[in-house]
Protein backbone atom coordinates (compact mmCIF):
# COMPACT_ATOMS: atom_id res chain seq x y z
CA UNK A 1 -10.14 16.91 -14.21
CA UNK A 2 -8.57 19.79 -12.30
CA UNK A 3 -4.83 19.18 -12.38
CA UNK A 4 -4.67 19.74 -8.63
CA UNK A 5 -7.18 17.07 -7.70
CA UNK A 6 -5.59 13.84 -8.95
CA UNK A 7 -4.43 12.74 -5.52
CA UNK A 8 -6.09 10.79 -2.73
CA UNK A 9 -5.73 12.67 0.60
CA UNK A 10 -5.89 9.38 2.51
CA UNK A 11 -3.03 7.96 0.44
CA UNK A 12 -0.93 11.08 0.99
CA UNK A 13 -1.62 10.97 4.72
CA UNK A 14 -0.70 7.27 4.88
CA UNK A 15 2.73 7.80 3.33
CA UNK A 16 3.33 11.08 5.17
CA UNK A 17 2.97 9.26 8.49
CA UNK A 18 5.80 6.93 7.47
CA UNK A 19 7.95 9.60 5.80
CA UNK A 20 10.70 9.66 8.43
CA UNK A 21 11.36 5.97 7.76
CA UNK A 22 11.98 6.20 3.99
CA UNK A 23 15.74 5.69 4.26
CA UNK A 24 15.60 3.08 7.05
CA UNK A 25 16.34 -0.11 5.12
CA UNK A 26 14.75 -2.24 7.85
CA UNK A 27 11.50 -0.26 7.82
CA UNK A 28 8.25 -0.57 5.88
CA UNK A 29 10.22 0.66 2.86
CA UNK A 30 12.66 -2.25 2.91
CA UNK A 31 11.07 -3.84 -0.21
CA UNK A 32 11.62 -0.61 -2.17
CA UNK A 33 15.29 -0.59 -1.20
CA UNK A 34 15.60 -4.25 -2.18
CA UNK A 35 13.99 -3.85 -5.62
CA UNK A 36 15.62 -0.50 -6.43
CA UNK A 37 18.83 -1.95 -7.96
CA UNK A 38 16.72 -4.24 -10.19
CA UNK A 39 14.61 -1.36 -11.45
CA UNK A 40 17.59 0.94 -11.92
CA UNK A 41 19.63 -1.63 -13.87
CA UNK A 42 16.67 -2.43 -16.12
CA UNK A 43 16.08 1.26 -16.88
CA UNK A 44 19.77 1.91 -17.42
CA UNK A 45 20.15 -1.04 -19.79
CA UNK A 46 17.33 0.19 -22.02
CA UNK A 47 18.27 3.86 -21.80
CA UNK A 48 21.58 4.71 -20.08
CA UNK A 49 20.70 7.66 -17.86
CA UNK A 50 24.13 9.23 -17.41
CA UNK A 51 24.00 12.83 -18.60
CA UNK A 52 20.24 12.69 -19.24
CA UNK A 53 17.50 14.79 -17.64
CA UNK A 54 15.31 12.36 -15.73
CA UNK A 55 12.07 12.92 -13.82
CA UNK A 56 10.82 10.57 -11.09
CA UNK A 57 7.05 11.02 -10.66
CA UNK A 58 5.76 10.08 -7.21
CA UNK A 59 9.32 9.94 -5.89
CA UNK A 60 8.44 9.65 -2.21
CA UNK A 61 11.65 9.81 -0.18
CA UNK A 62 13.75 9.75 -3.33
CA UNK A 63 15.10 6.18 -3.40
CA UNK A 64 15.05 5.85 -7.20
CA UNK A 65 15.69 9.56 -7.86
CA UNK A 66 18.83 9.41 -5.75
CA UNK A 67 20.04 6.22 -7.46
CA UNK A 68 19.57 7.67 -10.95
CA UNK A 69 21.50 10.80 -9.94
CA UNK A 70 24.34 8.60 -8.71
CA UNK A 71 24.34 6.96 -12.16
CA UNK A 72 25.09 10.38 -13.61
CA UNK A 73 21.58 11.61 -14.42
CA UNK A 74 20.37 15.16 -13.83
CA UNK A 75 17.49 14.05 -11.65
CA UNK A 76 14.26 15.71 -10.54
CA UNK A 77 11.85 14.02 -8.14
CA UNK A 78 8.27 15.21 -7.66
CA UNK A 79 5.65 14.22 -5.12
CA UNK A 80 2.67 15.72 -3.29
CA UNK A 81 3.78 14.53 0.16
CA UNK A 82 5.52 17.46 1.84
CA UNK A 83 7.05 15.24 4.54
CA UNK A 84 8.42 12.68 2.09
CA UNK A 85 10.02 15.44 -0.01
CA UNK A 86 11.68 16.96 3.06
CA UNK A 87 13.16 13.54 3.82
CA UNK A 88 14.36 13.24 0.22
CA UNK A 89 15.94 16.70 0.30
CA UNK A 90 17.64 16.02 3.62
CA UNK A 91 19.04 12.72 2.38
CA UNK A 92 20.38 14.37 -0.78
CA UNK A 93 22.08 16.98 1.39
CA UNK A 94 23.55 14.48 3.86
CA UNK A 95 24.67 12.04 1.16
CA UNK A 96 25.93 14.84 -1.11
CA UNK A 97 23.94 13.41 -4.01
CA UNK A 98 24.84 15.43 -7.14
CA UNK A 99 22.40 16.98 -9.64
CA UNK A 100 19.24 16.29 -7.63
CA UNK A 101 16.16 18.52 -7.33
CA UNK A 102 12.90 17.83 -5.51
CA UNK A 103 9.62 19.68 -6.03
CA UNK A 104 6.17 19.45 -4.48
CA UNK A 105 4.07 19.49 -7.65
CA UNK A 106 1.73 17.11 -9.46
CA UNK A 107 2.71 15.47 -12.72
CA UNK A 108 -0.18 17.24 -14.44
CA UNK A 109 0.88 20.69 -13.19
CA UNK A 110 4.51 20.10 -14.14
CA UNK A 111 3.44 18.88 -17.59
CA UNK A 112 1.70 22.22 -18.15
CA UNK A 113 4.85 24.02 -17.00
CA UNK A 114 7.62 21.93 -18.60
CA UNK A 115 6.33 19.93 -21.60
CA UNK A 116 8.94 17.90 -23.46
CA UNK A 117 11.75 18.77 -21.06
CA UNK A 118 12.90 15.33 -19.90
CA UNK A 119 14.79 12.50 -21.62
CA UNK A 120 13.42 9.89 -19.21
CA UNK A 121 10.36 9.83 -16.95
CA UNK A 122 9.83 7.15 -14.32
CA UNK A 123 6.58 6.48 -12.46
CA UNK A 124 7.09 3.55 -10.11
CA UNK A 125 4.62 2.08 -7.59
CA UNK A 126 2.50 5.21 -7.85
CA UNK A 127 -0.34 4.70 -10.35
CA UNK A 128 -2.20 2.35 -7.99
CA UNK A 129 -2.42 5.16 -5.43
CA UNK A 130 -4.12 7.89 -7.51
CA UNK A 131 -7.79 8.37 -8.49
CA UNK A 132 -7.04 8.80 -12.22
CA UNK A 133 -3.96 6.87 -13.40
CA UNK A 134 -4.68 7.75 -17.04
CA UNK A 135 -4.18 11.42 -16.22
CA UNK A 136 -0.74 10.68 -14.77
CA UNK A 137 0.22 8.59 -17.83
CA UNK A 138 -0.80 11.47 -20.10
CA UNK A 139 1.23 13.91 -18.00
CA UNK A 140 4.30 11.64 -18.18
CA UNK A 141 3.94 11.46 -21.97
CA UNK A 142 3.72 15.24 -22.16
CA UNK A 143 6.78 15.72 -19.94
CA UNK A 144 9.09 13.46 -21.95
CA UNK A 145 10.86 14.62 -25.12
CA UNK A 146 10.02 13.05 -28.49
CA UNK A 147 12.01 9.82 -28.64
CA UNK A 148 12.30 9.77 -24.83
CA UNK A 149 11.48 6.89 -22.51
CA UNK A 150 8.75 6.53 -19.88
CA UNK A 151 8.95 3.68 -17.36
CA UNK A 152 6.03 2.47 -15.23
CA UNK A 153 5.70 -0.13 -12.52
CA UNK A 154 2.49 -1.09 -10.75
CA UNK A 155 0.36 -4.06 -9.65
CA UNK A 156 -1.81 -6.28 -11.82
CA UNK A 157 -5.45 -6.85 -10.80
CA UNK A 158 -6.42 -10.52 -10.53
CA UNK A 159 -6.96 -13.13 -7.79
CA UNK A 160 -3.25 -14.03 -7.69
CA UNK A 161 -2.18 -10.42 -7.16
CA UNK A 162 -4.75 -10.06 -4.36
CA UNK A 163 -3.34 -13.17 -2.71
CA UNK A 164 0.32 -12.22 -3.13
CA UNK A 165 0.37 -8.42 -2.91
CA UNK A 166 -2.23 -7.91 -0.18
CA UNK A 167 -2.82 -11.13 1.79
CA UNK A 168 0.77 -12.34 1.46
CA UNK A 169 2.77 -9.11 1.59
CA UNK A 170 0.65 -7.19 4.11
CA UNK A 171 -0.86 -9.86 6.38
CA UNK A 172 1.26 -13.03 6.23
CA UNK A 173 4.84 -11.91 5.50
CA UNK A 174 4.27 -8.39 6.85
CA UNK A 175 6.55 -6.93 4.16
CA UNK A 176 4.26 -3.90 3.99
CA UNK A 177 1.92 -2.20 6.49
CA UNK A 178 -1.70 -3.37 6.33
CA UNK A 179 -3.71 -1.08 4.10
CA UNK A 180 -0.77 -0.11 1.88
CA UNK A 181 -2.67 -1.24 -1.19
CA UNK A 182 -6.29 -1.23 -2.26
CA UNK A 183 -7.13 -4.07 -4.63
CA UNK A 184 -9.71 -2.10 -6.62
CA UNK A 185 -6.97 0.36 -7.63
CA UNK A 186 -4.71 -2.30 -9.12
CA UNK A 187 -4.25 -1.92 -12.88
CA UNK A 188 -4.20 -4.66 -15.49
CA UNK A 189 -1.39 -4.39 -18.08
CA UNK A 190 -4.01 -4.09 -20.83
CA UNK A 191 -5.52 -1.07 -19.04
CA UNK A 192 -2.15 0.62 -18.57
CA UNK A 193 -1.21 -0.07 -22.19
CA UNK A 194 -4.48 1.49 -23.29
CA UNK A 195 -3.59 4.66 -21.34
CA UNK A 196 -0.12 4.60 -22.92
CA UNK A 197 -1.43 4.26 -26.47
CA UNK A 198 -3.87 7.13 -25.98
CA UNK A 199 -0.98 9.23 -24.72
CA UNK A 200 1.33 8.45 -27.65
CA UNK A 201 3.61 6.01 -25.82
CA UNK A 202 4.68 2.78 -27.54
CA UNK A 203 5.53 -0.34 -25.55
CA UNK A 204 9.17 -1.40 -25.88
CA UNK A 205 9.51 -4.01 -23.12
CA UNK A 206 7.59 -5.50 -20.20
CA UNK A 207 8.88 -7.35 -17.16
CA UNK A 208 7.40 -8.99 -14.12
CA UNK A 209 8.90 -8.86 -10.64
CA UNK A 210 8.85 -11.94 -8.42
CA UNK A 211 9.77 -12.60 -4.80
CA UNK A 212 10.86 -15.72 -2.94
CA UNK A 213 9.94 -15.38 0.77
CA UNK A 214 12.35 -18.17 1.75
CA UNK A 215 15.44 -16.56 0.21
CA UNK A 216 13.99 -13.04 0.51
CA UNK A 217 15.18 -12.41 -3.04
CA UNK A 218 13.52 -10.40 -5.82
CA UNK A 219 14.15 -10.86 -9.53
CA UNK A 220 12.78 -9.74 -12.89
CA UNK A 221 11.02 -12.31 -15.08
CA UNK A 222 8.45 -12.68 -17.84
CA UNK A 223 5.65 -13.25 -15.28
CA UNK A 224 3.58 -10.04 -15.12
CA UNK A 225 0.74 -11.56 -13.08
CA UNK A 226 1.50 -9.59 -9.87
CA UNK A 227 4.12 -6.82 -9.99
CA UNK A 228 5.04 -5.64 -13.47
CA UNK A 229 7.07 -2.96 -15.24
CA UNK A 230 6.55 -1.38 -18.66
CA UNK A 231 9.14 0.46 -20.74
CA UNK A 232 7.52 2.81 -23.24
CA UNK A 233 8.86 5.31 -25.72
CA UNK A 234 7.40 8.48 -27.19
CA UNK A 235 7.54 8.66 -30.98
CA UNK A 236 10.37 10.79 -32.33
CA UNK A 237 9.19 13.81 -34.29
């Protein structure tokens, strides 16, 4: 596949339309703001990011990139949405976030340019929006140093995830705009693990993420049936 083609123009357009709302914590991106501390703490427990070079693939408006930088990481965020990146750059400027860089480049193109340059690579809530998730996984594996960590989060594909992530989140609870997700693009953990193994990434830990609509609280658990996260590590040379 041409490294420039692993993006869905409709997906980019969808998120570009909402770009100005990335840092509005009462907007469509409220769930991302709510789960960000959970994701960050989990990453930081497994691999403390302070002083490390980290790359956030599909960073959008920079919610996780910014948080990792504030933990002391030297953080780079990449995305193919020009509008989202401008929002991320503006926020970093206004909030005086240290050691933060944003670039409009695909994971595949950056992997060709900077192989083995990052201690940690994160790819959160992004794989279910691209035509070829395996290509992104391979790029993440190429970008990370030997012994480095790659973290993924995405959505499982089964009847429960359809009910919770699409019907529940988009239509009933209205946590997300309708059309945010496409069920056919959801990825089973076994499929993602297969991509990881082919790319030389070994599973270190998996977590599920759950939500209680009554308390409006998110938490990490062992239940990977809907939202799930994988921590993987590249073999040390």
